[in-house]
Amino acid sequence: MRPFLQRRGRFNAPPHIFKKFVENSVGRWQGWDLLPNITTPALVIAGQRDWYVRPSLSRRTAHGMPRARIEIIRAAGHQSPLERPAAVNRAVERFLETGLRSWRSGVDESHA
């Protein structure tokens, strides 16, 4: 991770250029119809202040997978594990402690 952080300055671009990059990459993804095929438990973590991948997009992603949960990390942006590591760790711990419970079915399969 440290080499990435040292190179971060190389990714600087004027806001209008970066906005166009985001629109052309994240905004045009066409895999929504594949999400229901992901049947393993999944945790989608999003930063409340993430303007690169908006929380609404993360929610849509989580709701597209039958066994996914969404955790929105308050006061965090796109790099929530770096910005709020304790909050991310708590979210992961909660996810792992709940077993394989699907938020849609309410069926606990952790003892199956």
N, C-alpha and C. Protein backbone atom coordinates (compact mmCIF):
# COMPACT_ATOMS: atom_id res chain seq x y z
N MET A 1 0.81 -1.18 0.00
CA MET A 1 0.00 0.00 0.00
C MET A 1 0.86 1.26 0.00
N ARG A 2 1.99 1.21 0.67
CA ARG A 2 2.84 2.39 0.76
C ARG A 2 3.28 2.89 -0.62
N PRO A 3 3.72 2.01 -1.55
CA PRO A 3 4.09 2.53 -2.88
C PRO A 3 2.94 3.27 -3.56
N PHE A 4 1.72 2.77 -3.40
CA PHE A 4 0.58 3.46 -4.00
C PHE A 4 0.44 4.86 -3.42
N LEU A 5 0.55 4.95 -2.10
CA LEU A 5 0.39 6.25 -1.46
C LEU A 5 1.48 7.22 -1.88
N GLN A 6 2.68 6.71 -2.12
CA GLN A 6 3.77 7.57 -2.56
C GLN A 6 3.55 8.06 -3.99
N ARG A 7 2.86 7.27 -4.81
CA ARG A 7 2.61 7.65 -6.20
C ARG A 7 1.33 8.45 -6.37
N ARG A 8 0.55 8.61 -5.34
CA ARG A 8 -0.75 9.25 -5.46
C ARG A 8 -0.72 10.58 -6.20
N GLY A 9 0.32 11.35 -6.01
CA GLY A 9 0.40 12.63 -6.67
C GLY A 9 0.36 12.54 -8.18
N ARG A 10 0.74 11.40 -8.73
CA ARG A 10 0.73 11.22 -10.18
C ARG A 10 -0.68 11.16 -10.74
N PHE A 11 -1.66 10.92 -9.91
CA PHE A 11 -3.03 10.78 -10.37
C PHE A 11 -3.78 12.11 -10.35
N ASN A 12 -3.12 13.17 -9.95
CA ASN A 12 -3.79 14.47 -9.88
C ASN A 12 -4.20 14.92 -11.28
N ALA A 13 -5.38 15.43 -11.37
CA ALA A 13 -5.90 15.95 -12.64
C ALA A 13 -6.88 17.06 -12.32
N PRO A 14 -7.09 17.98 -13.25
CA PRO A 14 -8.11 19.01 -13.01
C PRO A 14 -9.46 18.35 -12.77
N PRO A 15 -10.30 18.94 -11.94
CA PRO A 15 -11.59 18.32 -11.61
C PRO A 15 -12.44 17.95 -12.81
N HIS A 16 -12.47 18.77 -13.84
CA HIS A 16 -13.31 18.45 -15.00
C HIS A 16 -12.80 17.23 -15.75
N ILE A 17 -11.49 17.02 -15.76
CA ILE A 17 -10.92 15.83 -16.41
C ILE A 17 -11.25 14.59 -15.58
N PHE A 18 -11.08 14.69 -14.27
CA PHE A 18 -11.37 13.54 -13.42
C PHE A 18 -12.85 13.18 -13.47
N LYS A 19 -13.71 14.18 -13.50
CA LYS A 19 -15.15 13.93 -13.59
C LYS A 19 -15.47 13.16 -14.87
N LYS A 20 -14.87 13.53 -15.97
CA LYS A 20 -15.10 12.84 -17.24
C LYS A 20 -14.59 11.39 -17.16
N PHE A 21 -13.45 11.19 -16.49
CA PHE A 21 -12.92 9.84 -16.31
C PHE A 21 -13.91 8.97 -15.54
N VAL A 22 -14.45 9.52 -14.46
CA VAL A 22 -15.42 8.77 -13.66
C VAL A 22 -16.65 8.44 -14.48
N GLU A 23 -17.18 9.40 -15.20
CA GLU A 23 -18.37 9.16 -16.02
C GLU A 23 -18.13 8.08 -17.06
N ASN A 24 -16.93 8.04 -17.61
CA ASN A 24 -16.62 7.06 -18.66
C ASN A 24 -16.25 5.69 -18.13
N SER A 25 -15.92 5.59 -16.87
CA SER A 25 -15.55 4.28 -16.33
C SER A 25 -16.68 3.70 -15.48
N VAL A 26 -16.92 4.29 -14.35
CA VAL A 26 -17.94 3.78 -13.43
C VAL A 26 -19.34 3.93 -14.02
N GLY A 27 -19.62 5.05 -14.61
CA GLY A 27 -20.96 5.34 -15.09
C GLY A 27 -21.44 4.48 -16.24
N ARG A 28 -20.53 3.87 -16.95
CA ARG A 28 -20.93 3.07 -18.13
C ARG A 28 -20.86 1.57 -17.90
N TRP A 29 -20.61 1.15 -16.69
CA TRP A 29 -20.52 -0.29 -16.41
C TRP A 29 -21.86 -0.94 -16.70
N GLN A 30 -21.81 -2.08 -17.39
CA GLN A 30 -23.04 -2.73 -17.84
C GLN A 30 -23.25 -4.11 -17.22
N GLY A 31 -22.71 -4.36 -16.05
CA GLY A 31 -22.80 -5.69 -15.45
C GLY A 31 -23.93 -5.88 -14.46
N TRP A 32 -24.87 -4.95 -14.41
CA TRP A 32 -25.94 -5.03 -13.41
C TRP A 32 -26.72 -6.34 -13.48
N ASP A 33 -26.95 -6.83 -14.68
CA ASP A 33 -27.74 -8.06 -14.82
C ASP A 33 -26.99 -9.29 -14.35
N LEU A 34 -25.69 -9.18 -14.11
CA LEU A 34 -24.89 -10.32 -13.62
C LEU A 34 -24.89 -10.41 -12.09
N LEU A 35 -25.23 -9.34 -11.42
CA LEU A 35 -25.16 -9.32 -9.95
C LEU A 35 -26.01 -10.40 -9.29
N PRO A 36 -27.21 -10.72 -9.77
CA PRO A 36 -27.99 -11.77 -9.11
C PRO A 36 -27.30 -13.14 -9.13
N ASN A 37 -26.32 -13.32 -10.01
CA ASN A 37 -25.60 -14.59 -10.08
C ASN A 37 -24.56 -14.73 -8.97
N ILE A 38 -24.26 -13.66 -8.27
CA ILE A 38 -23.29 -13.71 -7.17
C ILE A 38 -24.05 -14.14 -5.93
N THR A 39 -23.93 -15.40 -5.59
CA THR A 39 -24.73 -15.95 -4.50
C THR A 39 -23.95 -16.14 -3.20
N THR A 40 -22.67 -15.85 -3.21
CA THR A 40 -21.91 -15.93 -1.96
C THR A 40 -22.20 -14.69 -1.13
N PRO A 41 -22.11 -14.80 0.18
CA PRO A 41 -22.31 -13.61 1.01
C PRO A 41 -21.29 -12.54 0.63
N ALA A 42 -21.73 -11.32 0.57
CA ALA A 42 -20.86 -10.22 0.18
C ALA A 42 -21.14 -9.01 1.05
N LEU A 43 -20.09 -8.28 1.33
CA LEU A 43 -20.21 -7.04 2.07
C LEU A 43 -19.73 -5.91 1.17
N VAL A 44 -20.59 -4.97 0.90
CA VAL A 44 -20.24 -3.80 0.10
C VAL A 44 -20.03 -2.66 1.09
N ILE A 45 -18.83 -2.10 1.08
CA ILE A 45 -18.50 -1.01 1.99
C ILE A 45 -18.38 0.26 1.16
N ALA A 46 -19.06 1.31 1.60
CA ALA A 46 -19.02 2.58 0.88
C ALA A 46 -18.77 3.72 1.85
N GLY A 47 -18.05 4.70 1.39
CA GLY A 47 -17.85 5.90 2.18
C GLY A 47 -19.00 6.87 1.97
N GLN A 48 -19.50 7.41 3.03
CA GLN A 48 -20.63 8.35 2.96
C GLN A 48 -20.32 9.55 2.07
N ARG A 49 -19.07 9.97 2.05
CA ARG A 49 -18.65 11.14 1.28
C ARG A 49 -17.89 10.76 0.01
N ASP A 50 -18.07 9.56 -0.46
CA ASP A 50 -17.37 9.11 -1.67
C ASP A 50 -18.03 9.74 -2.89
N TRP A 51 -17.32 10.59 -3.59
CA TRP A 51 -17.87 11.20 -4.79
C TRP A 51 -17.40 10.48 -6.04
N TYR A 52 -16.51 9.50 -5.89
CA TYR A 52 -16.07 8.71 -7.03
C TYR A 52 -17.07 7.59 -7.31
N VAL A 53 -17.36 6.80 -6.29
CA VAL A 53 -18.42 5.79 -6.37
C VAL A 53 -19.44 6.19 -5.31
N ARG A 54 -20.46 6.86 -5.73
CA ARG A 54 -21.47 7.39 -4.82
C ARG A 54 -22.11 6.28 -4.00
N PRO A 55 -22.49 6.57 -2.75
CA PRO A 55 -23.17 5.56 -1.93
C PRO A 55 -24.41 4.98 -2.61
N SER A 56 -25.10 5.77 -3.39
CA SER A 56 -26.28 5.24 -4.10
C SER A 56 -25.90 4.14 -5.08
N LEU A 57 -24.74 4.26 -5.70
CA LEU A 57 -24.26 3.22 -6.61
C LEU A 57 -23.86 1.97 -5.83
N SER A 58 -23.25 2.17 -4.67
CA SER A 58 -22.88 1.03 -3.82
C SER A 58 -24.13 0.32 -3.32
N ARG A 59 -25.15 1.09 -2.95
CA ARG A 59 -26.42 0.48 -2.52
C ARG A 59 -27.03 -0.33 -3.66
N ARG A 60 -27.03 0.23 -4.85
CA ARG A 60 -27.58 -0.49 -6.01
C ARG A 60 -26.81 -1.79 -6.24
N THR A 61 -25.50 -1.74 -6.09
CA THR A 61 -24.68 -2.94 -6.25
C THR A 61 -25.06 -3.99 -5.22
N ALA A 62 -25.14 -3.59 -3.96
CA ALA A 62 -25.48 -4.53 -2.89
C ALA A 62 -26.88 -5.11 -3.08
N HIS A 63 -27.83 -4.27 -3.45
CA HIS A 63 -29.21 -4.74 -3.62
C HIS A 63 -29.34 -5.66 -4.83
N GLY A 64 -28.37 -5.61 -5.73
CA GLY A 64 -28.41 -6.49 -6.89
C GLY A 64 -27.94 -7.91 -6.60
N MET A 65 -27.24 -8.10 -5.48
CA MET A 65 -26.75 -9.43 -5.11
C MET A 65 -27.65 -10.00 -4.02
N PRO A 66 -28.10 -11.23 -4.19
CA PRO A 66 -29.09 -11.78 -3.26
C PRO A 66 -28.61 -11.91 -1.82
N ARG A 67 -27.30 -12.02 -1.60
CA ARG A 67 -26.82 -12.24 -0.23
C ARG A 67 -25.82 -11.17 0.19
N ALA A 68 -26.02 -9.96 -0.29
CA ALA A 68 -25.09 -8.88 0.04
C ALA A 68 -25.66 -7.95 1.11
N ARG A 69 -24.74 -7.35 1.83
CA ARG A 69 -25.08 -6.30 2.80
C ARG A 69 -24.32 -5.05 2.42
N ILE A 70 -24.89 -3.92 2.74
CA ILE A 70 -24.22 -2.64 2.50
C ILE A 70 -23.89 -1.99 3.83
N GLU A 71 -22.70 -1.47 3.94
CA GLU A 71 -22.29 -0.70 5.12
C GLU A 71 -21.79 0.64 4.61
N ILE A 72 -22.41 1.70 5.05
CA ILE A 72 -21.98 3.05 4.69
C ILE A 72 -21.14 3.58 5.85
N ILE A 73 -19.90 3.91 5.57
CA ILE A 73 -18.98 4.41 6.59
C ILE A 73 -19.11 5.93 6.64
N ARG A 74 -19.59 6.43 7.78
CA ARG A 74 -19.79 7.87 7.93
C ARG A 74 -18.45 8.61 7.93
N ALA A 75 -18.50 9.83 7.43
CA ALA A 75 -17.33 10.73 7.42
C ALA A 75 -16.14 10.10 6.70
N ALA A 76 -16.42 9.30 5.67
CA ALA A 76 -15.35 8.69 4.88
C ALA A 76 -15.64 8.89 3.41
N GLY A 77 -14.58 8.93 2.63
CA GLY A 77 -14.71 9.06 1.19
C GLY A 77 -14.42 7.75 0.49
N HIS A 78 -13.73 7.83 -0.64
CA HIS A 78 -13.48 6.66 -1.47
C HIS A 78 -12.49 5.70 -0.82
N GLN A 79 -11.63 6.20 0.03
CA GLN A 79 -10.62 5.34 0.66
C GLN A 79 -10.97 5.10 2.13
N SER A 80 -12.17 4.64 2.36
CA SER A 80 -12.65 4.46 3.73
C SER A 80 -11.75 3.56 4.58
N PRO A 81 -11.13 2.49 4.03
CA PRO A 81 -10.25 1.69 4.89
C PRO A 81 -9.04 2.48 5.40
N LEU A 82 -8.60 3.47 4.63
CA LEU A 82 -7.48 4.31 5.09
C LEU A 82 -7.97 5.46 5.96
N GLU A 83 -9.14 5.99 5.63
CA GLU A 83 -9.67 7.14 6.34
C GLU A 83 -10.27 6.77 7.69
N ARG A 84 -10.97 5.65 7.74
CA ARG A 84 -11.68 5.23 8.96
C ARG A 84 -11.46 3.73 9.18
N PRO A 85 -10.22 3.29 9.41
CA PRO A 85 -9.95 1.86 9.52
C PRO A 85 -10.73 1.16 10.63
N ALA A 86 -10.91 1.81 11.77
CA ALA A 86 -11.64 1.17 12.87
C ALA A 86 -13.10 0.94 12.48
N ALA A 87 -13.70 1.90 11.81
CA ALA A 87 -15.10 1.76 11.39
C ALA A 87 -15.24 0.65 10.35
N VAL A 88 -14.30 0.57 9.43
CA VAL A 88 -14.34 -0.50 8.43
C VAL A 88 -14.15 -1.85 9.10
N ASN A 89 -13.22 -1.94 10.04
CA ASN A 89 -13.01 -3.20 10.76
C ASN A 89 -14.26 -3.62 11.51
N ARG A 90 -14.94 -2.69 12.15
CA ARG A 90 -16.19 -3.02 12.85
C ARG A 90 -17.24 -3.53 11.87
N ALA A 91 -17.33 -2.92 10.71
CA ALA A 91 -18.30 -3.37 9.70
C ALA A 91 -18.00 -4.79 9.25
N VAL A 92 -16.73 -5.08 9.04
CA VAL A 92 -16.34 -6.44 8.62
C VAL A 92 -16.61 -7.43 9.74
N GLU A 93 -16.29 -7.06 10.97
CA GLU A 93 -16.55 -7.95 12.11
C GLU A 93 -18.04 -8.24 12.24
N ARG A 94 -18.88 -7.22 12.11
CA ARG A 94 -20.34 -7.44 12.19
C ARG A 94 -20.79 -8.39 11.09
N PHE A 95 -20.27 -8.20 9.91
CA PHE A 95 -20.63 -9.05 8.78
C PHE A 95 -20.24 -10.50 9.05
N LEU A 96 -19.03 -10.71 9.55
CA LEU A 96 -18.57 -12.07 9.82
C LEU A 96 -19.31 -12.70 11.00
N GLU A 97 -19.68 -11.91 11.99
CA GLU A 97 -20.36 -12.43 13.16
C GLU A 97 -21.81 -12.81 12.89
N THR A 98 -22.41 -12.25 11.89
CA THR A 98 -23.82 -12.54 11.62
C THR A 98 -24.00 -13.86 10.89
N GLY A 99 -22.94 -14.54 10.58
CA GLY A 99 -23.06 -15.79 9.84
C GLY A 99 -23.43 -15.51 8.40
N LEU A 100 -24.06 -16.44 7.78
CA LEU A 100 -24.42 -16.30 6.38
C LEU A 100 -25.88 -15.89 6.24
N ARG A 101 -26.31 -14.95 7.05
CA ARG A 101 -27.70 -14.52 7.04
C ARG A 101 -27.94 -13.60 5.85
N SER A 102 -28.93 -13.94 5.09
CA SER A 102 -29.32 -13.10 3.97
C SER A 102 -30.29 -12.05 4.47
N TRP A 103 -30.05 -10.82 4.16
CA TRP A 103 -30.95 -9.75 4.61
C TRP A 103 -32.30 -9.85 3.93
N ARG A 104 -32.38 -10.58 2.82
CA ARG A 104 -33.67 -10.71 2.15
C ARG A 104 -34.50 -11.86 2.72
N SER A 105 -33.86 -13.00 2.92
CA SER A 105 -34.63 -14.18 3.32
C SER A 105 -34.72 -14.33 4.83
N GLY A 106 -33.75 -13.78 5.55
CA GLY A 106 -33.73 -13.95 6.99
C GLY A 106 -33.35 -15.36 7.41
N VAL A 107 -32.89 -16.17 6.47
CA VAL A 107 -32.51 -17.54 6.76
C VAL A 107 -31.06 -17.57 7.21
N ASP A 108 -30.82 -18.16 8.37
CA ASP A 108 -29.47 -18.28 8.88
C ASP A 108 -28.91 -19.62 8.45
N GLU A 109 -27.91 -19.57 7.58
CA GLU A 109 -27.31 -20.80 7.06
C GLU A 109 -25.94 -21.05 7.66
N SER A 110 -25.59 -20.34 8.71
CA SER A 110 -24.25 -20.47 9.27
C SER A 110 -24.01 -21.81 9.94
N HIS A 111 -25.07 -22.51 10.29
CA HIS A 111 -24.91 -23.81 10.95
C HIS A 111 -25.27 -24.96 10.03
N ALA A 112 -25.44 -24.68 8.77
CA ALA A 112 -25.84 -25.74 7.82
C ALA A 112 -24.68 -26.65 7.49
